[in-house]
C-alpha atoms as a PDB file:
ATOM      1  CA  MET A   1     150.257 157.884  81.700  1.00  0.00           C
ATOM      2  CA  ARG A   2     147.756 157.643  78.854  1.00  0.00           C
ATOM      3  CA  LYS A   3     144.053 156.800  79.147  1.00  0.00           C
ATOM      4  CA  TYR A   4     141.763 155.501  76.423  1.00  0.00           C
ATOM      5  CA  TYR A   5     138.979 153.084  75.638  1.00  0.00           C
ATOM      6  CA  VAL A   6     138.515 150.014  73.434  1.00  0.00           C
ATOM      7  CA  ASP A   7     135.384 148.125  72.582  1.00  0.00           C
ATOM      8  CA  GLY A   8     134.601 144.918  74.378  1.00  0.00           C
ATOM      9  CA  PRO A   9     131.678 142.417  74.507  1.00  0.00           C
ATOM     10  CA  MET A  10     130.164 144.309  77.458  1.00  0.00           C
ATOM     11  CA  GLY A  11     130.686 147.779  76.103  1.00  0.00           C
ATOM     12  CA  GLN A  12     133.615 150.200  76.254  1.00  0.00           C
ATOM     13  CA  VAL A  13     136.659 149.203  78.298  1.00  0.00           C
ATOM     14  CA  HIS A  14     138.790 151.857  79.959  1.00  0.00           C
ATOM     15  CA  ILE A  15     142.613 151.494  79.994  1.00  0.00           C
ATOM     16  CA  ARG A  16     145.580 153.220  81.569  1.00  0.00           C
ATOM     17  CA  GLU A  17     148.949 152.717  79.863  1.00  0.00           C
ATOM     18  CA  GLN A  18     152.459 153.719  80.702  1.00  0.00           C
ATOM     19  CA  GLY A  19     155.930 152.716  79.583  1.00  0.00           C
ATOM     20  CA  GLU A  20     157.579 150.916  76.743  1.00  0.00           C
ATOM     21  CA  GLY A  21     158.973 147.416  76.410  1.00  0.00           C
ATOM     22  CA  PRO A  22     157.440 143.940  77.077  1.00  0.00           C
ATOM     23  CA  ALA A  23     153.705 144.300  77.619  1.00  0.00           C
ATOM     24  CA  LEU A  24     152.191 143.533  81.019  1.00  0.00           C
ATOM     25  CA  VAL A  25     148.448 143.576  81.298  1.00  0.00           C
ATOM     26  CA  LEU A  26     147.284 144.421  84.867  1.00  0.00           C
ATOM     27  CA  LEU A  27     143.970 143.246  86.314  1.00  0.00           C
ATOM     28  CA  HIS A  28     142.674 144.833  89.584  1.00  0.00           C
ATOM     29  CA  GLN A  29     140.899 143.477  92.606  1.00  0.00           C
ATOM     30  CA  THR A  30     137.165 144.123  93.170  1.00  0.00           C
ATOM     31  CA  ALA A  31     135.865 146.775  93.544  1.00  0.00           C
ATOM     32  CA  TRP A  32     138.833 148.857  92.416  1.00  0.00           C
ATOM     33  CA  SER A  33     139.807 149.912  88.925  1.00  0.00           C
ATOM     34  CA  SER A  34     143.020 150.362  87.057  1.00  0.00           C
ATOM     35  CA  LEU A  35     143.729 153.190  89.576  1.00  0.00           C
ATOM     36  CA  GLN A  36     144.906 150.405  91.858  1.00  0.00           C
ATOM     37  CA  PHE A  37     148.060 150.290  89.801  1.00  0.00           C
ATOM     38  CA  LYS A  38     148.593 154.084  89.403  1.00  0.00           C
ATOM     39  CA  ASN A  39     151.383 154.232  92.005  1.00  0.00           C
ATOM     40  CA  ALA A  40     153.141 151.052  90.702  1.00  0.00           C
ATOM     41  CA  MET A  41     153.101 151.703  86.978  1.00  0.00           C
ATOM     42  CA  PRO A  42     155.769 154.433  86.975  1.00  0.00           C
ATOM     43  CA  HIS A  43     158.186 152.090  88.745  1.00  0.00           C
ATOM     44  CA  LEU A  44     157.462 149.287  86.317  1.00  0.00           C
ATOM     45  CA  ALA A  45     157.779 151.644  83.330  1.00  0.00           C
ATOM     46  CA  ALA A  46     161.161 152.876  84.686  1.00  0.00           C
ATOM     47  CA  ARG A  47     162.398 149.226  84.534  1.00  0.00           C
ATOM     48  CA  GLY A  48     161.395 149.049  80.813  1.00  0.00           C
ATOM     49  CA  ILE A  49     157.957 147.422  81.052  1.00  0.00           C
ATOM     50  CA  ARG A  50     154.863 148.522  79.112  1.00  0.00           C
ATOM     51  CA  CYS A  51     152.051 148.623  81.627  1.00  0.00           C
ATOM     52  CA  ILE A  52     148.436 148.226  80.384  1.00  0.00           C
ATOM     53  CA  ALA A  53     145.981 148.422  83.263  1.00  0.00           C
ATOM     54  CA  VAL A  54     142.383 147.461  82.445  1.00  0.00           C
ATOM     55  CA  ASP A  55     139.153 148.454  84.250  1.00  0.00           C
ATOM     56  CA  THR A  56     137.063 145.274  84.681  1.00  0.00           C
ATOM     57  CA  PRO A  57     133.643 145.684  82.964  1.00  0.00           C
ATOM     58  CA  GLY A  58     131.291 147.349  85.452  1.00  0.00           C
ATOM     59  CA  PHE A  59     134.151 148.947  87.494  1.00  0.00           C
ATOM     60  CA  GLY A  60     136.039 152.221  87.166  1.00  0.00           C
ATOM     61  CA  MET A  61     135.199 153.780  83.836  1.00  0.00           C
ATOM     62  CA  SER A  62     134.358 150.600  81.951  1.00  0.00           C
ATOM     63  CA  ASP A  63     130.835 149.764  80.874  1.00  0.00           C
ATOM     64  CA  GLY A  64     129.220 146.854  82.644  1.00  0.00           C
ATOM     65  CA  PRO A  65     126.569 144.227  82.089  1.00  0.00           C
ATOM     66  CA  ASP A  66     123.063 144.429  83.555  1.00  0.00           C
ATOM     67  CA  THR A  67     123.134 140.801  84.762  1.00  0.00           C
ATOM     68  CA  PRO A  68     125.824 139.070  86.846  1.00  0.00           C
ATOM     69  CA  PRO A  69     128.680 137.872  84.553  1.00  0.00           C
ATOM     70  CA  THR A  70     130.835 134.896  85.145  1.00  0.00           C
ATOM     71  CA  VAL A  71     134.662 134.877  85.474  1.00  0.00           C
ATOM     72  CA  THR A  72     134.653 133.314  81.982  1.00  0.00           C
ATOM     73  CA  ASP A  73     132.729 136.332  80.667  1.00  0.00           C
ATOM     74  CA  TYR A  74     135.338 138.627  82.150  1.00  0.00           C
ATOM     75  CA  ALA A  75     138.058 136.538  80.610  1.00  0.00           C
ATOM     76  CA  ASP A  76     136.371 136.708  77.171  1.00  0.00           C
ATOM     77  CA  SER A  77     136.265 140.470  77.576  1.00  0.00           C
ATOM     78  CA  LEU A  78     139.976 140.516  78.308  1.00  0.00           C
ATOM     79  CA  ALA A  79     140.679 138.445  75.196  1.00  0.00           C
ATOM     80  CA  ALA A  80     138.699 141.013  73.121  1.00  0.00           C
ATOM     81  CA  VAL A  81     140.764 143.876  74.738  1.00  0.00           C
ATOM     82  CA  ILE A  82     144.054 142.164  73.920  1.00  0.00           C
ATOM     83  CA  GLU A  83     142.953 141.556  70.359  1.00  0.00           C
ATOM     84  CA  ALA A  84     141.837 145.171  69.961  1.00  0.00           C
ATOM     85  CA  LEU A  85     145.228 146.402  71.186  1.00  0.00           C
ATOM     86  CA  ASP A  86     146.942 143.971  68.808  1.00  0.00           C
ATOM     87  CA  LEU A  87     149.108 142.654  71.588  1.00  0.00           C
ATOM     88  CA  ASP A  88     151.276 139.715  70.743  1.00  0.00           C
ATOM     89  CA  ARG A  89     151.280 137.263  73.746  1.00  0.00           C
ATOM     90  CA  PRO A  90     151.551 139.832  76.571  1.00  0.00           C
ATOM     91  CA  MET A  91     152.179 138.902  80.140  1.00  0.00           C
ATOM     92  CA  VAL A  92     149.103 139.127  82.356  1.00  0.00           C
ATOM     93  CA  LEU A  93     148.984 139.951  86.089  1.00  0.00           C
ATOM     94  CA  GLY A  94     145.942 139.691  88.234  1.00  0.00           C
ATOM     95  CA  HIS A  95     145.345 140.656  91.870  1.00  0.00           C
ATOM     96  CA  HIS A  96     142.528 138.878  93.888  1.00  0.00           C
ATOM     97  CA  THR A  97     139.486 138.922  91.558  1.00  0.00           C
ATOM     98  CA  GLY A  98     141.911 139.905  88.844  1.00  0.00           C
ATOM     99  CA  ALA A  99     143.886 136.744  89.536  1.00  0.00           C
ATOM    100  CA  SER A 100     140.734 134.736  88.903  1.00  0.00           C
ATOM    101  CA  ILE A 101     140.124 136.468  85.631  1.00  0.00           C
ATOM    102  CA  ALA A 102     143.767 135.982  84.658  1.00  0.00           C
ATOM    103  CA  THR A 103     143.648 132.297  85.514  1.00  0.00           C
ATOM    104  CA  SER A 104     140.428 131.752  83.497  1.00  0.00           C
ATOM    105  CA  PHE A 105     141.885 133.663  80.574  1.00  0.00           C
ATOM    106  CA  ALA A 106     145.151 131.787  80.524  1.00  0.00           C
ATOM    107  CA  ALA A 107     143.300 128.466  80.739  1.00  0.00           C
ATOM    108  CA  ALA A 108     140.932 129.328  77.846  1.00  0.00           C
ATOM    109  CA  TYR A 109     143.420 131.218  75.677  1.00  0.00           C
ATOM    110  CA  PRO A 110     146.876 129.810  76.351  1.00  0.00           C
ATOM    111  CA  GLY A 111     148.168 130.953  73.023  1.00  0.00           C
ATOM    112  CA  MET A 112     147.437 134.565  73.899  1.00  0.00           C
ATOM    113  CA  VAL A 113     149.576 134.924  76.998  1.00  0.00           C
ATOM    114  CA  ASP A 114     153.354 134.625  77.517  1.00  0.00           C
ATOM    115  CA  LYS A 115     153.561 134.569  81.249  1.00  0.00           C
ATOM    116  CA  LEU A 116     151.131 134.730  84.229  1.00  0.00           C
ATOM    117  CA  PHE A 117     151.485 136.527  87.490  1.00  0.00           C
ATOM    118  CA  LEU A 118     148.820 135.783  90.213  1.00  0.00           C
ATOM    119  CA  HIS A 119     148.848 137.830  93.386  1.00  0.00           C
ATOM    120  CA  GLY A 120     146.419 136.680  96.125  1.00  0.00           C
ATOM    121  CA  VAL A 121     144.860 133.687  94.463  1.00  0.00           C
ATOM    122  CA  PRO A 122     141.240 133.415  95.699  1.00  0.00           C
ATOM    123  CA  ILE A 123     141.181 129.640  95.973  1.00  0.00           C
ATOM    124  CA  TYR A 124     138.400 128.487  98.318  1.00  0.00           C
ATOM    125  CA  THR A 125     136.675 125.219  99.254  1.00  0.00           C
ATOM    126  CA  GLU A 126     133.126 124.713  97.930  1.00  0.00           C
ATOM    127  CA  GLU A 127     131.903 125.397 101.499  1.00  0.00           C
ATOM    128  CA  GLU A 128     133.901 128.626 101.766  1.00  0.00           C
ATOM    129  CA  ARG A 129     132.539 129.797  98.360  1.00  0.00           C
ATOM    130  CA  ALA A 130     128.942 128.913  99.424  1.00  0.00           C
ATOM    131  CA  GLN A 131     129.353 130.909 102.630  1.00  0.00           C
ATOM    132  CA  ARG A 132     130.654 133.961 100.752  1.00  0.00           C
ATOM    133  CA  LEU A 133     127.801 133.764  98.247  1.00  0.00           C
ATOM    134  CA  SER A 134     125.226 133.551 100.995  1.00  0.00           C
ATOM    135  CA  LYS A 135     126.187 136.981 102.459  1.00  0.00           C
ATOM    136  CA  PRO A 136     123.685 139.809 101.757  1.00  0.00           C
ATOM    137  CA  HIS A 137     124.710 142.588  99.346  1.00  0.00           C
ATOM    138  CA  TYR A 138     125.514 145.931 100.990  1.00  0.00           C
ATOM    139  CA  ASP A 139     122.695 148.407 100.822  1.00  0.00           C
ATOM    140  CA  GLN A 140     124.081 151.507  99.017  1.00  0.00           C
ATOM    141  CA  THR A 141     120.989 153.548  99.501  1.00  0.00           C
ATOM    142  CA  PRO A 142     122.040 157.120 100.388  1.00  0.00           C
ATOM    143  CA  ARG A 143     121.170 158.233 103.939  1.00  0.00           C
ATOM    144  CA  GLU A 144     120.618 161.764 105.027  1.00  0.00           C
ATOM    145  CA  ASP A 145     123.467 161.650 107.518  1.00  0.00           C
ATOM    146  CA  GLY A 146     125.909 159.943 105.091  1.00  0.00           C
ATOM    147  CA  SER A 147     126.174 156.911 107.379  1.00  0.00           C
ATOM    148  CA  HIS A 148     125.904 154.603 104.385  1.00  0.00           C
ATOM    149  CA  MET A 149     129.491 155.739 103.605  1.00  0.00           C
ATOM    150  CA  THR A 150     130.810 155.933 107.204  1.00  0.00           C
ATOM    151  CA  ASP A 151     129.464 152.481 107.933  1.00  0.00           C
ATOM    152  CA  ARG A 152     131.205 151.113 104.895  1.00  0.00           C
ATOM    153  CA  TRP A 153     134.444 152.845 105.957  1.00  0.00           C
ATOM    154  CA  GLY A 154     134.241 150.819 109.158  1.00  0.00           C
ATOM    155  CA  VAL A 155     133.744 147.578 107.185  1.00  0.00           C
ATOM    156  CA  ALA A 156     136.684 148.331 104.938  1.00  0.00           C
ATOM    157  CA  ASN A 157     138.878 149.192 107.893  1.00  0.00           C
ATOM    158  CA  THR A 158     137.898 145.996 109.756  1.00  0.00           C
ATOM    159  CA  VAL A 159     138.495 143.575 106.884  1.00  0.00           C
ATOM    160  CA  SER A 160     141.991 145.051 106.422  1.00  0.00           C
ATOM    161  CA  GLY A 161     142.746 144.347 110.073  1.00  0.00           C
ATOM    162  CA  ASN A 162     142.738 148.039 110.825  1.00  0.00           C
ATOM    163  CA  LYS A 163     146.113 148.193 109.063  1.00  0.00           C
ATOM    164  CA  ALA A 164     145.258 149.760 105.713  1.00  0.00           C
ATOM    165  CA  ALA A 165     146.296 153.373 104.987  1.00  0.00           C
ATOM    166  CA  PRO A 166     143.383 155.849 105.009  1.00  0.00           C
ATOM    167  CA  GLU A 167     144.109 156.770 101.412  1.00  0.00           C
ATOM    168  CA  ALA A 168     143.744 153.109 100.347  1.00  0.00           C
ATOM    169  CA  ILE A 169     140.441 152.818 102.252  1.00  0.00           C
ATOM    170  CA  HIS A 170     139.257 156.054 100.779  1.00  0.00           C
ATOM    171  CA  TRP A 171     139.804 154.979  97.185  1.00  0.00           C
ATOM    172  CA  SER A 172     138.421 151.465  97.852  1.00  0.00           C
ATOM    173  CA  LEU A 173     135.191 153.139  99.023  1.00  0.00           C
ATOM    174  CA  VAL A 174     135.131 155.559  96.115  1.00  0.00           C
ATOM    175  CA  HIS A 175     135.296 152.568  93.743  1.00  0.00           C
ATOM    176  CA  PHE A 176     132.694 150.642  95.778  1.00  0.00           C
ATOM    177  CA  PHE A 177     130.114 153.326  95.513  1.00  0.00           C
ATOM    178  CA  TRP A 178     131.162 154.266  91.964  1.00  0.00           C
ATOM    179  CA  ALA A 179     130.352 150.707  90.813  1.00  0.00           C
ATOM    180  CA  GLY A 180     126.814 151.250  92.118  1.00  0.00           C
ATOM    181  CA  PRO A 181     124.229 148.674  93.149  1.00  0.00           C
ATOM    182  CA  ASN A 182     125.927 146.052  90.891  1.00  0.00           C
ATOM    183  CA  GLU A 183     129.276 146.246  92.737  1.00  0.00           C
ATOM    184  CA  TRP A 184     128.665 142.729  93.992  1.00  0.00           C
ATOM    185  CA  PHE A 185     128.982 141.336  90.411  1.00  0.00           C
ATOM    186  CA  GLY A 186     132.739 140.981  90.668  1.00  0.00           C
ATOM    187  CA  HIS A 187     132.930 139.072  93.930  1.00  0.00           C
ATOM    188  CA  HIS A 188     129.854 137.016  92.993  1.00  0.00           C
ATOM    189  CA  ALA A 189     131.684 135.887  89.848  1.00  0.00           C
ATOM    190  CA  ALA A 190     134.848 135.105  91.778  1.00  0.00           C
ATOM    191  CA  PHE A 191     133.090 133.022  94.430  1.00  0.00           C
ATOM    192  CA  LYS A 192     131.081 131.125  91.820  1.00  0.00           C
ATOM    193  CA  TYR A 193     134.288 130.281  90.009  1.00  0.00           C
ATOM    194  CA  ASP A 194     136.116 127.046  91.037  1.00  0.00           C
ATOM    195  CA  ILE A 195     139.538 128.394  90.240  1.00  0.00           C
ATOM    196  CA  GLU A 196     141.264 125.170  91.361  1.00  0.00           C
ATOM    197  CA  VAL A 197     140.228 123.414  88.145  1.00  0.00           C
ATOM    198  CA  ASP A 198     141.852 125.917  85.860  1.00  0.00           C
ATOM    199  CA  PHE A 199     144.818 126.553  88.201  1.00  0.00           C
ATOM    200  CA  LYS A 200     145.740 122.897  87.983  1.00  0.00           C
ATOM    201  CA  ALA A 201     145.321 122.834  84.200  1.00  0.00           C
ATOM    202  CA  LEU A 202     147.456 125.921  83.401  1.00  0.00           C
ATOM    203  CA  VAL A 203     150.169 125.412  80.818  1.00  0.00           C
ATOM    204  CA  THR A 204     151.414 129.020  80.997  1.00  0.00           C
ATOM    205  CA  PRO A 205     154.610 129.709  83.027  1.00  0.00           C
ATOM    206  CA  THR A 206     153.294 131.236  86.263  1.00  0.00           C
ATOM    207  CA  VAL A 207     154.523 133.277  89.193  1.00  0.00           C
ATOM    208  CA  VAL A 208     152.321 133.173  92.260  1.00  0.00           C
ATOM    209  CA  ILE A 209     152.809 136.172  94.540  1.00  0.00           C
ATOM    210  CA  SER A 210     151.567 136.823  98.009  1.00  0.00           C
ATOM    211  CA  ASN A 211     152.166 139.112 101.012  1.00  0.00           C
ATOM    212  CA  SER A 212     151.970 137.989 104.559  1.00  0.00           C
ATOM    213  CA  GLY A 213     149.447 140.689 105.562  1.00  0.00           C
ATOM    214  CA  ASP A 214     146.919 139.467 102.934  1.00  0.00           C
ATOM    215  CA  VAL A 215     144.094 137.197 104.155  1.00  0.00           C
ATOM    216  CA  LEU A 216     144.793 134.925 101.148  1.00  0.00           C
ATOM    217  CA  HIS A 217     148.416 134.412 102.201  1.00  0.00           C
ATOM    218  CA  ARG A 218     147.267 131.275 104.120  1.00  0.00           C
ATOM    219  CA  LYS A 219     146.448 129.647 100.812  1.00  0.00           C
ATOM    220  CA  MET A 220     150.007 129.676  99.622  1.00  0.00           C
ATOM    221  CA  PRO A 221     150.999 126.136 100.914  1.00  0.00           C
ATOM    222  CA  TYR A 222     147.978 124.626  99.245  1.00  0.00           C
ATOM    223  CA  LEU A 223     148.795 126.372  95.946  1.00  0.00           C
ATOM    224  CA  GLN A 224     152.327 125.092  96.105  1.00  0.00           C
ATOM    225  CA  GLU A 225     151.011 121.610  96.756  1.00  0.00           C
ATOM    226  CA  LEU A 226     148.814 121.904  93.668  1.00  0.00           C
ATOM    227  CA  ARG A 227     151.451 123.252  91.352  1.00  0.00           C
ATOM    228  CA  PRO A 228     154.992 122.777  92.761  1.00  0.00           C
ATOM    229  CA  ASP A 229     156.352 123.579  89.240  1.00  0.00           C
ATOM    230  CA  PHE A 230     155.219 127.219  89.521  1.00  0.00           C
ATOM    231  CA  THR A 231     157.427 130.023  90.862  1.00  0.00           C
ATOM    232  CA  TYR A 232     156.322 131.437  94.265  1.00  0.00           C
ATOM    233  CA  ALA A 233     157.289 134.759  95.810  1.00  0.00           C
ATOM    234  CA  SER A 234     156.266 136.536  98.987  1.00  0.00           C
ATOM    235  CA  ILE A 235     156.433 139.970 100.424  1.00  0.00           C
ATOM    236  CA  GLU A 236     156.521 140.595 104.136  1.00  0.00           C
ATOM    237  CA  GLY A 237     153.701 142.641 105.624  1.00  0.00           C
ATOM    238  CA  GLY A 238     151.220 144.849 103.855  1.00  0.00           C
ATOM    239  CA  THR A 239     147.507 144.434 103.412  1.00  0.00           C
ATOM    240  CA  PHE A 240     145.400 143.413 100.417  1.00  0.00           C
ATOM    241  CA  HIS A 241     145.915 147.049  99.269  1.00  0.00           C
ATOM    242  CA  ILE A 242     149.685 146.488  99.031  1.00  0.00           C
ATOM    243  CA  VAL A 243     149.794 147.236  95.225  1.00  0.00           C
ATOM    244  CA  PHE A 244     148.542 150.688  96.023  1.00  0.00           C
ATOM    245  CA  GLU A 245     150.128 151.249  99.448  1.00  0.00           C
ATOM    246  CA  ASP A 246     153.609 149.824  98.893  1.00  0.00           C
ATOM    247  CA  ALA A 247     153.827 150.268  95.122  1.00  0.00           C
ATOM    248  CA  GLU A 248     157.629 150.633  94.793  1.00  0.00           C
ATOM    249  CA  ARG A 249     158.411 147.424  96.705  1.00  0.00           C
ATOM    250  CA  TRP A 250     155.722 145.507  94.971  1.00  0.00           C
ATOM    251  CA  ALA A 251     156.755 146.744  91.498  1.00  0.00           C
ATOM    252  CA  ALA A 252     160.349 145.852  92.182  1.00  0.00           C
ATOM    253  CA  LEU A 253     159.397 142.199  92.942  1.00  0.00           C
ATOM    254  CA  VAL A 254     157.258 141.915  89.754  1.00  0.00           C
ATOM    255  CA  ALA A 255     159.851 143.597  87.575  1.00  0.00           C
ATOM    256  CA  ASP A 256     162.625 141.344  88.887  1.00  0.00           C
ATOM    257  CA  HIS A 257     160.608 138.272  87.881  1.00  0.00           C
ATOM    258  CA  ILE A 258     159.813 139.776  84.464  1.00  0.00           C
ATOM    259  CA  LEU A 259     163.439 140.741  83.722  1.00  0.00           C
ATOM    260  CA  GLY A 260     165.003 137.646  85.193  1.00  0.00           C
ATOM    261  CA  GLU A 261     166.665 139.458  88.114  1.00  0.00           C
ATOM    262  CA  SER A 262     164.881 137.647  90.924  1.00  0.00           C
ATOM    263  CA  GLY A 263     167.852 135.516  91.784  1.00  0.00           C
END
């Protein structure tokens, strides 16, 4: 696995790459980084897929903006990365916030993407988005007893339904605090973004993926209603950390759809 940087509109963008073959750009959920795909990339590479996992600006080892960006800003950054890498119409896969960025990118730059994969599409009503945006940001101020971290561990465990593996919670917290006081930028952009408009307008062939243990799985029927022409695939179980926790099974589903072996 190779790591390197390219220049983007918000600064340097960090990338992990592995494999040879058709290019698949991977976009992580907030507040992770490309490390979310570390366990899956070897399996995809073994199937003959070139994996290019990108740290969203402000997360992982990518530079970030000082003011809250929009999903469109993140999509423009992705376009700059793809141009810098001289990729000719790669496939793009996004998970959760990454799915929002991928949708915005494909809507704005349809000529730059060959196929789209969206796992856990964060499609919300206007009321749901307003409720999410009204929540206060988590206070990351260090406490002498370290409870700012242990409290956050409890939050992360609860939102996963107490089903996520400790390693996944650990790395999600590492990324949360690594992103610093601006960690809320990613979710803020996602909840400000009305993904439904771009989702309905997509002209790119799209595979929508979900897993039954993900809170966004309940949105699948509505997505199918909006775009019955898309391909839909589900995995039983898992949490919203499935890409990291159950990497081999997840990678097999993605690779099958890329290589035309999904049946």
